[in-house]
Amino acid sequence: MSDHTLGDAPIQPKYREQMNHLARLLDGYFNGDAKGHAREVGFVMMIFDFNEQGRCNYISNANRGDVVTLLKEQLKRFEGQPEQQGNS
């Protein structure tokens, strides 16, 4: 288990290069050359190892406060949905 609480540590070194590369690709794909407030699409990427509790690597092109609001709202949606079953 990590000395950090969930989300307060930097991206793990084994994922840093890959996550930064994917973030640049996503931002470029959705926003082209637009930067800052000129961008129209935000994203959040979170990855975790299935067998490591308490650790999630996070990267986004959005303001952290906006992402916190997004995640809270999304969690409320998930919690309000009936249990889903099936294969996809």
N, C-alpha and C. Protein backbone atom coordinates (compact mmCIF):
# COMPACT_ATOMS: atom_id res chain seq x y z
N MET A 1 0.85 -1.18 0.00
CA MET A 1 0.00 0.00 0.00
C MET A 1 0.89 1.24 0.00
N SER A 2 0.49 2.23 -0.70
CA SER A 2 1.23 3.48 -0.85
C SER A 2 1.18 4.33 0.41
N ASP A 3 2.16 5.22 0.56
CA ASP A 3 2.15 6.20 1.65
C ASP A 3 1.20 7.35 1.34
N HIS A 4 0.75 7.45 0.11
CA HIS A 4 -0.14 8.53 -0.32
C HIS A 4 -1.59 8.07 -0.25
N THR A 5 -2.48 9.03 -0.10
CA THR A 5 -3.89 8.70 -0.23
C THR A 5 -4.25 8.72 -1.70
N LEU A 6 -5.38 8.14 -2.03
CA LEU A 6 -5.79 7.99 -3.41
C LEU A 6 -5.78 9.33 -4.14
N GLY A 7 -4.98 9.41 -5.19
CA GLY A 7 -4.98 10.58 -6.05
C GLY A 7 -4.04 11.70 -5.67
N ASP A 8 -3.28 11.55 -4.57
CA ASP A 8 -2.44 12.68 -4.18
C ASP A 8 -0.97 12.51 -4.55
N ALA A 9 -0.62 11.43 -5.20
CA ALA A 9 0.76 11.19 -5.60
C ALA A 9 0.91 11.43 -7.10
N PRO A 10 2.14 11.68 -7.54
CA PRO A 10 2.36 11.82 -8.98
C PRO A 10 2.06 10.51 -9.70
N ILE A 11 1.94 10.59 -11.02
CA ILE A 11 1.77 9.38 -11.82
C ILE A 11 2.95 8.45 -11.55
N GLN A 12 2.67 7.17 -11.38
CA GLN A 12 3.73 6.21 -11.15
C GLN A 12 4.70 6.23 -12.33
N PRO A 13 6.00 6.16 -12.05
CA PRO A 13 6.99 6.23 -13.13
C PRO A 13 6.75 5.23 -14.25
N LYS A 14 6.25 4.02 -13.92
CA LYS A 14 6.06 3.01 -14.96
C LYS A 14 4.96 3.39 -15.96
N TYR A 15 4.11 4.37 -15.61
CA TYR A 15 3.02 4.80 -16.49
C TYR A 15 3.17 6.23 -17.01
N ARG A 16 4.09 6.99 -16.46
CA ARG A 16 4.18 8.43 -16.75
C ARG A 16 4.31 8.73 -18.24
N GLU A 17 5.28 8.11 -18.90
CA GLU A 17 5.51 8.40 -20.32
C GLU A 17 4.29 8.03 -21.17
N GLN A 18 3.72 6.86 -20.92
CA GLN A 18 2.56 6.41 -21.69
C GLN A 18 1.36 7.33 -21.48
N MET A 19 1.10 7.70 -20.24
CA MET A 19 -0.06 8.54 -19.95
C MET A 19 0.10 9.93 -20.54
N ASN A 20 1.29 10.51 -20.44
CA ASN A 20 1.52 11.82 -21.03
C ASN A 20 1.38 11.76 -22.55
N HIS A 21 1.88 10.70 -23.16
CA HIS A 21 1.75 10.53 -24.61
C HIS A 21 0.28 10.43 -25.01
N LEU A 22 -0.48 9.59 -24.31
CA LEU A 22 -1.91 9.45 -24.62
C LEU A 22 -2.67 10.76 -24.39
N ALA A 23 -2.31 11.49 -23.34
CA ALA A 23 -2.98 12.77 -23.06
C ALA A 23 -2.73 13.76 -24.20
N ARG A 24 -1.50 13.83 -24.69
CA ARG A 24 -1.21 14.72 -25.83
C ARG A 24 -1.99 14.29 -27.07
N LEU A 25 -2.06 12.97 -27.31
CA LEU A 25 -2.81 12.48 -28.46
C LEU A 25 -4.29 12.82 -28.35
N LEU A 26 -4.89 12.56 -27.19
CA LEU A 26 -6.31 12.86 -26.99
C LEU A 26 -6.60 14.35 -27.15
N ASP A 27 -5.78 15.17 -26.52
CA ASP A 27 -6.00 16.61 -26.60
C ASP A 27 -5.87 17.10 -28.04
N GLY A 28 -4.86 16.62 -28.74
CA GLY A 28 -4.69 17.00 -30.14
C GLY A 28 -5.81 16.50 -31.02
N TYR A 29 -6.27 15.29 -30.78
CA TYR A 29 -7.34 14.70 -31.59
C TYR A 29 -8.64 15.49 -31.43
N PHE A 30 -8.99 15.82 -30.18
CA PHE A 30 -10.25 16.50 -29.93
C PHE A 30 -10.18 18.01 -30.08
N ASN A 31 -9.01 18.60 -29.82
CA ASN A 31 -8.91 20.06 -29.78
C ASN A 31 -7.96 20.66 -30.81
N GLY A 32 -7.32 19.82 -31.60
CA GLY A 32 -6.40 20.34 -32.61
C GLY A 32 -5.30 21.16 -31.95
N ASP A 33 -5.05 22.33 -32.50
CA ASP A 33 -4.00 23.20 -31.98
C ASP A 33 -4.49 24.15 -30.89
N ALA A 34 -5.78 24.09 -30.56
CA ALA A 34 -6.34 24.99 -29.54
C ALA A 34 -5.69 24.72 -28.19
N LYS A 35 -5.47 25.78 -27.44
CA LYS A 35 -4.86 25.68 -26.11
C LYS A 35 -5.72 26.42 -25.10
N GLY A 36 -5.57 26.08 -23.84
CA GLY A 36 -6.25 26.80 -22.76
C GLY A 36 -7.75 26.86 -22.95
N HIS A 37 -8.31 28.06 -22.77
CA HIS A 37 -9.76 28.26 -22.85
C HIS A 37 -10.31 28.09 -24.27
N ALA A 38 -9.43 28.06 -25.27
CA ALA A 38 -9.89 27.87 -26.65
C ALA A 38 -10.27 26.42 -26.93
N ARG A 39 -9.83 25.50 -26.06
CA ARG A 39 -10.20 24.09 -26.24
C ARG A 39 -11.69 23.91 -25.99
N GLU A 40 -12.29 22.97 -26.71
CA GLU A 40 -13.72 22.70 -26.56
C GLU A 40 -14.02 21.39 -25.85
N VAL A 41 -13.06 20.46 -25.82
CA VAL A 41 -13.30 19.14 -25.26
C VAL A 41 -12.30 18.86 -24.14
N GLY A 42 -12.84 18.44 -23.01
CA GLY A 42 -12.00 18.04 -21.89
C GLY A 42 -12.03 16.53 -21.74
N PHE A 43 -11.00 16.00 -21.11
CA PHE A 43 -10.97 14.56 -20.86
C PHE A 43 -10.30 14.29 -19.52
N VAL A 44 -10.58 13.12 -19.00
CA VAL A 44 -9.96 12.61 -17.78
C VAL A 44 -9.57 11.17 -18.06
N MET A 45 -8.35 10.81 -17.72
CA MET A 45 -7.92 9.42 -17.83
C MET A 45 -7.46 8.96 -16.45
N MET A 46 -8.00 7.86 -16.00
CA MET A 46 -7.60 7.28 -14.72
C MET A 46 -7.26 5.81 -14.99
N ILE A 47 -6.08 5.40 -14.55
CA ILE A 47 -5.71 3.99 -14.68
C ILE A 47 -5.28 3.48 -13.32
N PHE A 48 -5.48 2.18 -13.14
CA PHE A 48 -5.11 1.56 -11.87
C PHE A 48 -4.76 0.11 -12.13
N ASP A 49 -3.95 -0.44 -11.26
CA ASP A 49 -3.64 -1.86 -11.29
C ASP A 49 -4.74 -2.59 -10.53
N PHE A 50 -5.29 -3.63 -11.11
CA PHE A 50 -6.38 -4.36 -10.46
C PHE A 50 -5.98 -4.90 -9.08
N ASN A 51 -4.74 -5.27 -8.90
CA ASN A 51 -4.33 -5.92 -7.66
C ASN A 51 -3.60 -5.00 -6.69
N GLU A 52 -3.68 -3.69 -6.90
CA GLU A 52 -3.03 -2.75 -5.99
C GLU A 52 -4.08 -1.79 -5.44
N GLN A 53 -4.41 -1.96 -4.18
CA GLN A 53 -5.44 -1.14 -3.57
C GLN A 53 -4.94 0.28 -3.30
N GLY A 54 -5.84 1.23 -3.41
CA GLY A 54 -5.54 2.59 -2.99
C GLY A 54 -4.67 3.39 -3.92
N ARG A 55 -4.51 2.96 -5.17
CA ARG A 55 -3.64 3.71 -6.08
C ARG A 55 -4.33 3.88 -7.42
N CYS A 56 -4.44 5.13 -7.86
CA CYS A 56 -5.02 5.44 -9.16
C CYS A 56 -4.17 6.53 -9.79
N ASN A 57 -3.79 6.35 -11.04
CA ASN A 57 -3.03 7.35 -11.79
C ASN A 57 -4.00 8.16 -12.62
N TYR A 58 -3.87 9.47 -12.58
CA TYR A 58 -4.84 10.39 -13.15
C TYR A 58 -4.14 11.42 -14.02
N ILE A 59 -4.74 11.73 -15.17
CA ILE A 59 -4.25 12.83 -16.00
C ILE A 59 -5.46 13.43 -16.72
N SER A 60 -5.41 14.73 -16.97
CA SER A 60 -6.53 15.42 -17.60
C SER A 60 -6.02 16.68 -18.28
N ASN A 61 -6.81 17.20 -19.20
CA ASN A 61 -6.49 18.49 -19.80
C ASN A 61 -7.37 19.59 -19.19
N ALA A 62 -8.09 19.25 -18.13
CA ALA A 62 -9.04 20.17 -17.51
C ALA A 62 -8.55 20.64 -16.15
N ASN A 63 -9.18 21.68 -15.67
CA ASN A 63 -8.92 22.21 -14.34
C ASN A 63 -9.34 21.18 -13.30
N ARG A 64 -8.51 20.95 -12.30
CA ARG A 64 -8.78 19.92 -11.30
C ARG A 64 -10.12 20.15 -10.60
N GLY A 65 -10.46 21.37 -10.28
CA GLY A 65 -11.74 21.66 -9.63
C GLY A 65 -12.92 21.26 -10.50
N ASP A 66 -12.81 21.51 -11.81
CA ASP A 66 -13.87 21.10 -12.73
C ASP A 66 -13.98 19.58 -12.80
N VAL A 67 -12.84 18.91 -12.74
CA VAL A 67 -12.85 17.44 -12.78
C VAL A 67 -13.49 16.89 -11.52
N VAL A 68 -13.21 17.49 -10.37
CA VAL A 68 -13.83 17.05 -9.12
C VAL A 68 -15.35 17.16 -9.23
N THR A 69 -15.84 18.28 -9.75
CA THR A 69 -17.29 18.45 -9.95
C THR A 69 -17.83 17.40 -10.90
N LEU A 70 -17.14 17.18 -12.01
CA LEU A 70 -17.55 16.16 -12.98
C LEU A 70 -17.66 14.79 -12.33
N LEU A 71 -16.64 14.40 -11.56
CA LEU A 71 -16.63 13.07 -10.95
C LEU A 71 -17.74 12.92 -9.92
N LYS A 72 -17.99 13.96 -9.14
CA LYS A 72 -19.09 13.90 -8.16
C LYS A 72 -20.43 13.72 -8.86
N GLU A 73 -20.64 14.48 -9.93
CA GLU A 73 -21.90 14.39 -10.67
C GLU A 73 -22.04 13.02 -11.34
N GLN A 74 -20.95 12.51 -11.90
CA GLN A 74 -20.99 11.21 -12.56
C GLN A 74 -21.26 10.10 -11.55
N LEU A 75 -20.65 10.19 -10.38
CA LEU A 75 -20.89 9.20 -9.33
C LEU A 75 -22.35 9.19 -8.92
N LYS A 76 -22.96 10.36 -8.80
CA LYS A 76 -24.39 10.41 -8.47
C LYS A 76 -25.22 9.72 -9.55
N ARG A 77 -24.85 9.91 -10.80
CA ARG A 77 -25.57 9.23 -11.89
C ARG A 77 -25.41 7.71 -11.78
N PHE A 78 -24.18 7.26 -11.55
CA PHE A 78 -23.94 5.82 -11.42
C PHE A 78 -24.73 5.24 -10.25
N GLU A 79 -24.71 5.94 -9.13
CA GLU A 79 -25.39 5.44 -7.94
C GLU A 79 -26.90 5.43 -8.11
N GLY A 80 -27.43 6.28 -8.95
CA GLY A 80 -28.87 6.36 -9.16
C GLY A 80 -29.40 5.39 -10.20
N GLN A 81 -28.49 4.69 -10.89
CA GLN A 81 -28.93 3.76 -11.93
C GLN A 81 -29.20 2.39 -11.32
N PRO A 82 -30.19 1.68 -11.85
CA PRO A 82 -30.41 0.31 -11.38
C PRO A 82 -29.23 -0.57 -11.76
N GLU A 83 -29.05 -1.66 -11.03
CA GLU A 83 -27.97 -2.60 -11.35
C GLU A 83 -28.12 -3.09 -12.77
N GLN A 84 -27.04 -3.05 -13.51
CA GLN A 84 -27.04 -3.52 -14.89
C GLN A 84 -26.42 -4.91 -14.93
N GLN A 85 -26.94 -5.77 -15.76
CA GLN A 85 -26.36 -7.09 -15.97
C GLN A 85 -26.21 -7.32 -17.45
N GLY A 86 -25.29 -8.20 -17.80
CA GLY A 86 -25.12 -8.53 -19.20
C GLY A 86 -23.66 -8.48 -19.59
N ASN A 87 -23.43 -8.78 -20.81
CA ASN A 87 -22.07 -8.77 -21.36
C ASN A 87 -22.00 -7.76 -22.49
N SER A 88 -20.89 -7.06 -22.54
CA SER A 88 -20.71 -6.12 -23.65
C SER A 88 -19.31 -6.24 -24.21
